[in-house]
Amino acid sequence: MASLDGKHSFGSIGETRVTFVEKGVDEGRKDFLKQLLEHNGFEVVLDQEKKKTEEDPQLYTVAVTDMVFNPTIWIFERDLRTLEGHKVTQDYWFQRTKETKPQYWKNS
């Protein structure tokens, strides 16, 4: 899974200029990101990556048409919302947990 490195990656899918959200994701991750981003008002563009061999799993590129979208900024500024209306945390974004408490750290 990709990390949140803050880099703004953009380009084109077909004739559409896009900001890349994640590349090389499986179908489950693609569906999660598509649903989350569309819920937050983004137009999502998907692209199937070419398989090297027939046995390889199908991977996808997920992008949005908003040219200034940066997942790192939106997550850490707490601007993305879950389908239930909670703020998206980094762990929620990476599907590590469904927990959406606002802290980024755990106290012992």
N, C-alpha and C. Protein backbone atom coordinates (compact mmCIF):
# COMPACT_ATOMS: atom_id res chain seq x y z
N MET A 1 0.83 -1.16 0.00
CA MET A 1 0.00 0.00 0.00
C MET A 1 0.89 1.24 0.00
N ALA A 2 0.46 2.25 -0.67
CA ALA A 2 1.22 3.50 -0.76
C ALA A 2 1.26 4.21 0.59
N SER A 3 2.19 5.13 0.71
CA SER A 3 2.26 5.93 1.92
C SER A 3 1.82 7.34 1.61
N LEU A 4 1.57 8.10 2.64
CA LEU A 4 1.22 9.51 2.47
C LEU A 4 2.51 10.31 2.51
N ASP A 5 3.05 10.60 1.35
CA ASP A 5 4.34 11.29 1.31
C ASP A 5 4.20 12.78 0.99
N GLY A 6 3.00 13.24 0.70
CA GLY A 6 2.79 14.65 0.45
C GLY A 6 3.03 15.07 -0.99
N LYS A 7 3.57 14.20 -1.79
CA LYS A 7 3.86 14.53 -3.18
C LYS A 7 2.57 14.63 -3.97
N HIS A 8 2.45 15.66 -4.77
CA HIS A 8 1.28 15.86 -5.62
C HIS A 8 1.59 15.28 -6.99
N SER A 9 0.93 14.17 -7.33
CA SER A 9 1.19 13.47 -8.57
C SER A 9 0.01 13.67 -9.52
N PHE A 10 0.28 14.20 -10.68
CA PHE A 10 -0.80 14.44 -11.64
C PHE A 10 -0.37 14.04 -13.03
N GLY A 11 -1.36 13.91 -13.91
CA GLY A 11 -1.11 13.50 -15.29
C GLY A 11 -2.42 13.35 -16.01
N SER A 12 -2.51 12.37 -16.89
CA SER A 12 -3.73 12.17 -17.67
C SER A 12 -4.11 10.70 -17.70
N ILE A 13 -5.40 10.47 -17.72
CA ILE A 13 -5.97 9.16 -18.01
C ILE A 13 -6.86 9.39 -19.22
N GLY A 14 -6.45 8.84 -20.33
CA GLY A 14 -7.17 9.13 -21.57
C GLY A 14 -7.00 10.61 -21.90
N GLU A 15 -8.09 11.28 -22.12
CA GLU A 15 -8.07 12.72 -22.41
C GLU A 15 -8.30 13.57 -21.17
N THR A 16 -8.45 12.95 -20.01
CA THR A 16 -8.81 13.66 -18.79
C THR A 16 -7.59 13.94 -17.93
N ARG A 17 -7.38 15.21 -17.58
CA ARG A 17 -6.31 15.58 -16.65
C ARG A 17 -6.75 15.20 -15.25
N VAL A 18 -5.85 14.55 -14.51
CA VAL A 18 -6.21 14.04 -13.19
C VAL A 18 -5.07 14.23 -12.18
N THR A 19 -5.46 14.16 -10.92
CA THR A 19 -4.51 13.99 -9.82
C THR A 19 -4.58 12.53 -9.42
N PHE A 20 -3.44 11.85 -9.43
CA PHE A 20 -3.41 10.45 -9.06
C PHE A 20 -3.53 10.32 -7.54
N VAL A 21 -4.42 9.44 -7.12
CA VAL A 21 -4.61 9.17 -5.69
C VAL A 21 -3.74 7.99 -5.29
N GLU A 22 -3.92 6.85 -5.98
CA GLU A 22 -3.08 5.67 -5.76
C GLU A 22 -2.99 4.89 -7.05
N LYS A 23 -1.85 4.28 -7.26
CA LYS A 23 -1.62 3.42 -8.43
C LYS A 23 -1.34 2.01 -7.96
N GLY A 24 -1.69 1.03 -8.79
CA GLY A 24 -1.38 -0.36 -8.50
C GLY A 24 -2.18 -0.94 -7.36
N VAL A 25 -3.45 -0.56 -7.25
CA VAL A 25 -4.29 -1.07 -6.16
C VAL A 25 -5.19 -2.20 -6.67
N ASP A 26 -5.57 -3.09 -5.75
CA ASP A 26 -6.46 -4.19 -6.13
C ASP A 26 -7.91 -3.70 -6.18
N GLU A 27 -8.80 -4.60 -6.56
CA GLU A 27 -10.20 -4.20 -6.76
C GLU A 27 -10.88 -3.73 -5.48
N GLY A 28 -10.59 -4.39 -4.35
CA GLY A 28 -11.17 -3.98 -3.08
C GLY A 28 -10.76 -2.57 -2.68
N ARG A 29 -9.48 -2.28 -2.83
CA ARG A 29 -8.97 -0.94 -2.49
C ARG A 29 -9.55 0.10 -3.45
N LYS A 30 -9.62 -0.25 -4.73
CA LYS A 30 -10.20 0.65 -5.74
C LYS A 30 -11.64 1.01 -5.37
N ASP A 31 -12.43 0.02 -5.00
CA ASP A 31 -13.83 0.25 -4.64
C ASP A 31 -13.95 1.12 -3.39
N PHE A 32 -13.10 0.85 -2.38
CA PHE A 32 -13.11 1.65 -1.15
C PHE A 32 -12.80 3.11 -1.45
N LEU A 33 -11.72 3.36 -2.19
CA LEU A 33 -11.33 4.74 -2.49
C LEU A 33 -12.38 5.44 -3.35
N LYS A 34 -12.91 4.75 -4.34
CA LYS A 34 -13.93 5.34 -5.21
C LYS A 34 -15.14 5.77 -4.41
N GLN A 35 -15.62 4.90 -3.54
CA GLN A 35 -16.80 5.22 -2.73
C GLN A 35 -16.51 6.39 -1.78
N LEU A 36 -15.36 6.37 -1.12
CA LEU A 36 -15.00 7.42 -0.17
C LEU A 36 -14.84 8.77 -0.88
N LEU A 37 -14.13 8.77 -1.99
CA LEU A 37 -13.88 10.03 -2.69
C LEU A 37 -15.15 10.60 -3.32
N GLU A 38 -15.98 9.75 -3.90
CA GLU A 38 -17.24 10.24 -4.46
C GLU A 38 -18.15 10.78 -3.37
N HIS A 39 -18.15 10.14 -2.21
CA HIS A 39 -18.93 10.62 -1.07
C HIS A 39 -18.48 12.04 -0.66
N ASN A 40 -17.20 12.33 -0.86
CA ASN A 40 -16.66 13.65 -0.51
C ASN A 40 -16.71 14.64 -1.68
N GLY A 41 -17.43 14.30 -2.73
CA GLY A 41 -17.69 15.24 -3.81
C GLY A 41 -16.68 15.24 -4.95
N PHE A 42 -15.80 14.27 -5.01
CA PHE A 42 -14.81 14.22 -6.08
C PHE A 42 -15.30 13.36 -7.24
N GLU A 43 -14.93 13.77 -8.45
CA GLU A 43 -15.19 12.94 -9.62
C GLU A 43 -13.99 12.00 -9.75
N VAL A 44 -14.26 10.70 -9.66
CA VAL A 44 -13.21 9.69 -9.66
C VAL A 44 -13.04 9.12 -11.07
N VAL A 45 -11.78 8.98 -11.48
CA VAL A 45 -11.45 8.36 -12.76
C VAL A 45 -10.61 7.12 -12.45
N LEU A 46 -11.01 5.99 -13.04
CA LEU A 46 -10.31 4.72 -12.82
C LEU A 46 -9.67 4.26 -14.10
N ASP A 47 -8.53 3.57 -13.97
CA ASP A 47 -7.85 3.03 -15.14
C ASP A 47 -7.32 1.64 -14.78
N GLN A 48 -7.62 0.67 -15.64
CA GLN A 48 -7.09 -0.67 -15.45
C GLN A 48 -5.64 -0.69 -15.93
N GLU A 49 -4.76 -1.19 -15.08
CA GLU A 49 -3.37 -1.31 -15.50
C GLU A 49 -3.21 -2.58 -16.32
N LYS A 50 -2.26 -2.56 -17.24
CA LYS A 50 -2.02 -3.74 -18.08
C LYS A 50 -1.34 -4.82 -17.25
N LYS A 51 -1.79 -6.06 -17.44
CA LYS A 51 -1.19 -7.20 -16.77
C LYS A 51 0.06 -7.64 -17.53
N LYS A 52 1.10 -8.02 -16.80
CA LYS A 52 2.31 -8.54 -17.45
C LYS A 52 2.08 -9.97 -17.92
N THR A 53 1.38 -10.75 -17.09
CA THR A 53 1.02 -12.11 -17.47
C THR A 53 -0.46 -12.32 -17.15
N GLU A 54 -1.03 -13.33 -17.74
CA GLU A 54 -2.46 -13.62 -17.53
C GLU A 54 -2.77 -13.97 -16.08
N GLU A 55 -1.79 -14.54 -15.36
CA GLU A 55 -1.99 -14.97 -13.98
C GLU A 55 -1.94 -13.81 -12.98
N ASP A 56 -1.36 -12.69 -13.36
CA ASP A 56 -1.25 -11.54 -12.46
C ASP A 56 -2.63 -11.01 -12.10
N PRO A 57 -2.78 -10.51 -10.87
CA PRO A 57 -4.06 -9.92 -10.49
C PRO A 57 -4.28 -8.60 -11.25
N GLN A 58 -5.55 -8.25 -11.44
CA GLN A 58 -5.86 -6.98 -12.10
C GLN A 58 -5.63 -5.84 -11.11
N LEU A 59 -4.84 -4.86 -11.50
CA LEU A 59 -4.56 -3.70 -10.67
C LEU A 59 -5.13 -2.46 -11.34
N TYR A 60 -5.37 -1.44 -10.53
CA TYR A 60 -6.02 -0.22 -11.01
C TYR A 60 -5.27 1.03 -10.56
N THR A 61 -5.51 2.10 -11.29
CA THR A 61 -5.08 3.44 -10.89
C THR A 61 -6.34 4.21 -10.52
N VAL A 62 -6.30 4.87 -9.37
CA VAL A 62 -7.42 5.69 -8.90
C VAL A 62 -6.97 7.14 -8.95
N ALA A 63 -7.80 7.97 -9.57
CA ALA A 63 -7.47 9.39 -9.71
C ALA A 63 -8.73 10.23 -9.56
N VAL A 64 -8.55 11.52 -9.37
CA VAL A 64 -9.68 12.45 -9.31
C VAL A 64 -9.42 13.59 -10.29
N THR A 65 -10.50 14.24 -10.73
CA THR A 65 -10.36 15.34 -11.68
C THR A 65 -10.00 16.66 -11.02
N ASP A 66 -10.04 16.73 -9.70
CA ASP A 66 -9.65 17.94 -8.97
C ASP A 66 -8.13 18.04 -8.98
N MET A 67 -7.59 18.98 -9.72
CA MET A 67 -6.14 19.07 -9.91
C MET A 67 -5.37 19.53 -8.69
N VAL A 68 -6.05 20.03 -7.67
CA VAL A 68 -5.33 20.47 -6.46
C VAL A 68 -5.50 19.49 -5.30
N PHE A 69 -6.22 18.39 -5.52
CA PHE A 69 -6.42 17.40 -4.45
C PHE A 69 -5.10 16.72 -4.10
N ASN A 70 -4.82 16.67 -2.81
CA ASN A 70 -3.66 15.95 -2.29
C ASN A 70 -4.13 15.16 -1.08
N PRO A 71 -4.13 13.82 -1.15
CA PRO A 71 -4.65 13.03 -0.03
C PRO A 71 -4.00 13.35 1.31
N THR A 72 -2.72 13.60 1.33
CA THR A 72 -2.03 13.89 2.58
C THR A 72 -2.62 15.12 3.25
N ILE A 73 -2.79 16.18 2.49
CA ILE A 73 -3.33 17.42 3.04
C ILE A 73 -4.77 17.22 3.50
N TRP A 74 -5.58 16.59 2.68
CA TRP A 74 -6.99 16.39 3.03
C TRP A 74 -7.16 15.52 4.27
N ILE A 75 -6.31 14.52 4.44
CA ILE A 75 -6.42 13.65 5.61
C ILE A 75 -5.95 14.36 6.87
N PHE A 76 -4.79 15.00 6.82
CA PHE A 76 -4.25 15.62 8.02
C PHE A 76 -4.93 16.94 8.38
N GLU A 77 -5.60 17.57 7.42
CA GLU A 77 -6.42 18.73 7.74
C GLU A 77 -7.83 18.32 8.16
N ARG A 78 -8.08 17.00 8.14
CA ARG A 78 -9.35 16.43 8.59
C ARG A 78 -10.53 16.89 7.73
N ASP A 79 -10.30 17.01 6.41
CA ASP A 79 -11.33 17.48 5.49
C ASP A 79 -12.16 16.37 4.85
N LEU A 80 -11.67 15.13 4.86
CA LEU A 80 -12.42 14.02 4.29
C LEU A 80 -13.34 13.43 5.35
N ARG A 81 -14.52 12.99 4.91
CA ARG A 81 -15.50 12.39 5.82
C ARG A 81 -15.82 10.97 5.40
N THR A 82 -16.04 10.10 6.38
CA THR A 82 -16.48 8.74 6.10
C THR A 82 -17.93 8.78 5.64
N LEU A 83 -18.45 7.65 5.21
CA LEU A 83 -19.86 7.58 4.81
C LEU A 83 -20.79 7.86 5.98
N GLU A 84 -20.31 7.64 7.20
CA GLU A 84 -21.10 7.90 8.40
C GLU A 84 -20.93 9.34 8.89
N GLY A 85 -20.08 10.12 8.24
CA GLY A 85 -19.90 11.53 8.61
C GLY A 85 -18.75 11.82 9.54
N HIS A 86 -17.96 10.80 9.90
CA HIS A 86 -16.81 11.01 10.78
C HIS A 86 -15.61 11.48 9.96
N LYS A 87 -14.64 12.08 10.64
CA LYS A 87 -13.43 12.53 9.97
C LYS A 87 -12.54 11.33 9.64
N VAL A 88 -11.97 11.34 8.46
CA VAL A 88 -11.10 10.25 8.01
C VAL A 88 -9.72 10.42 8.64
N THR A 89 -9.23 9.36 9.27
CA THR A 89 -7.87 9.35 9.82
C THR A 89 -6.96 8.60 8.85
N GLN A 90 -5.67 8.69 9.10
CA GLN A 90 -4.71 7.98 8.26
C GLN A 90 -4.94 6.48 8.29
N ASP A 91 -5.21 5.92 9.46
CA ASP A 91 -5.46 4.48 9.56
C ASP A 91 -6.76 4.09 8.85
N TYR A 92 -7.77 4.94 8.91
CA TYR A 92 -9.01 4.66 8.18
C TYR A 92 -8.74 4.69 6.67
N TRP A 93 -7.99 5.69 6.21
CA TRP A 93 -7.66 5.81 4.79
C TRP A 93 -6.99 4.54 4.27
N PHE A 94 -6.06 4.00 5.05
CA PHE A 94 -5.34 2.79 4.63
C PHE A 94 -6.06 1.51 5.01
N GLN A 95 -7.29 1.62 5.47
CA GLN A 95 -8.14 0.48 5.81
C GLN A 95 -7.53 -0.41 6.88
N ARG A 96 -6.77 0.19 7.80
CA ARG A 96 -6.20 -0.55 8.92
C ARG A 96 -7.22 -0.71 10.03
N THR A 97 -8.18 0.24 10.10
CA THR A 97 -9.20 0.24 11.14
C THR A 97 -10.41 1.02 10.66
N LYS A 98 -11.51 0.79 11.31
CA LYS A 98 -12.70 1.61 11.06
C LYS A 98 -12.83 2.70 12.12
N GLU A 99 -11.88 2.72 13.05
CA GLU A 99 -11.84 3.71 14.13
C GLU A 99 -11.58 5.10 13.54
N THR A 100 -12.32 6.09 14.01
CA THR A 100 -12.17 7.44 13.45
C THR A 100 -11.96 8.49 14.53
N LYS A 101 -11.39 8.08 15.66
CA LYS A 101 -11.09 9.08 16.70
C LYS A 101 -10.10 10.09 16.12
N PRO A 102 -10.17 11.32 16.58
CA PRO A 102 -9.38 12.38 15.94
C PRO A 102 -7.89 12.37 16.21
N GLN A 103 -7.37 11.62 17.18
CA GLN A 103 -5.94 11.68 17.45
C GLN A 103 -5.15 10.79 16.48
N TYR A 104 -3.90 11.15 16.26
CA TYR A 104 -3.01 10.38 15.39
C TYR A 104 -2.07 9.51 16.20
N TRP A 105 -2.19 9.52 17.49
CA TRP A 105 -1.29 8.78 18.34
C TRP A 105 -2.12 7.96 19.33
N LYS A 106 -1.46 7.01 19.98
CA LYS A 106 -2.13 6.20 21.00
C LYS A 106 -1.40 6.41 22.31
N ASN A 107 -2.15 6.70 23.36
CA ASN A 107 -1.57 6.84 24.69
C ASN A 107 -1.56 5.49 25.37
N SER A 108 -0.48 5.20 26.10
CA SER A 108 -0.39 3.91 26.80
C SER A 108 -1.19 3.93 28.07
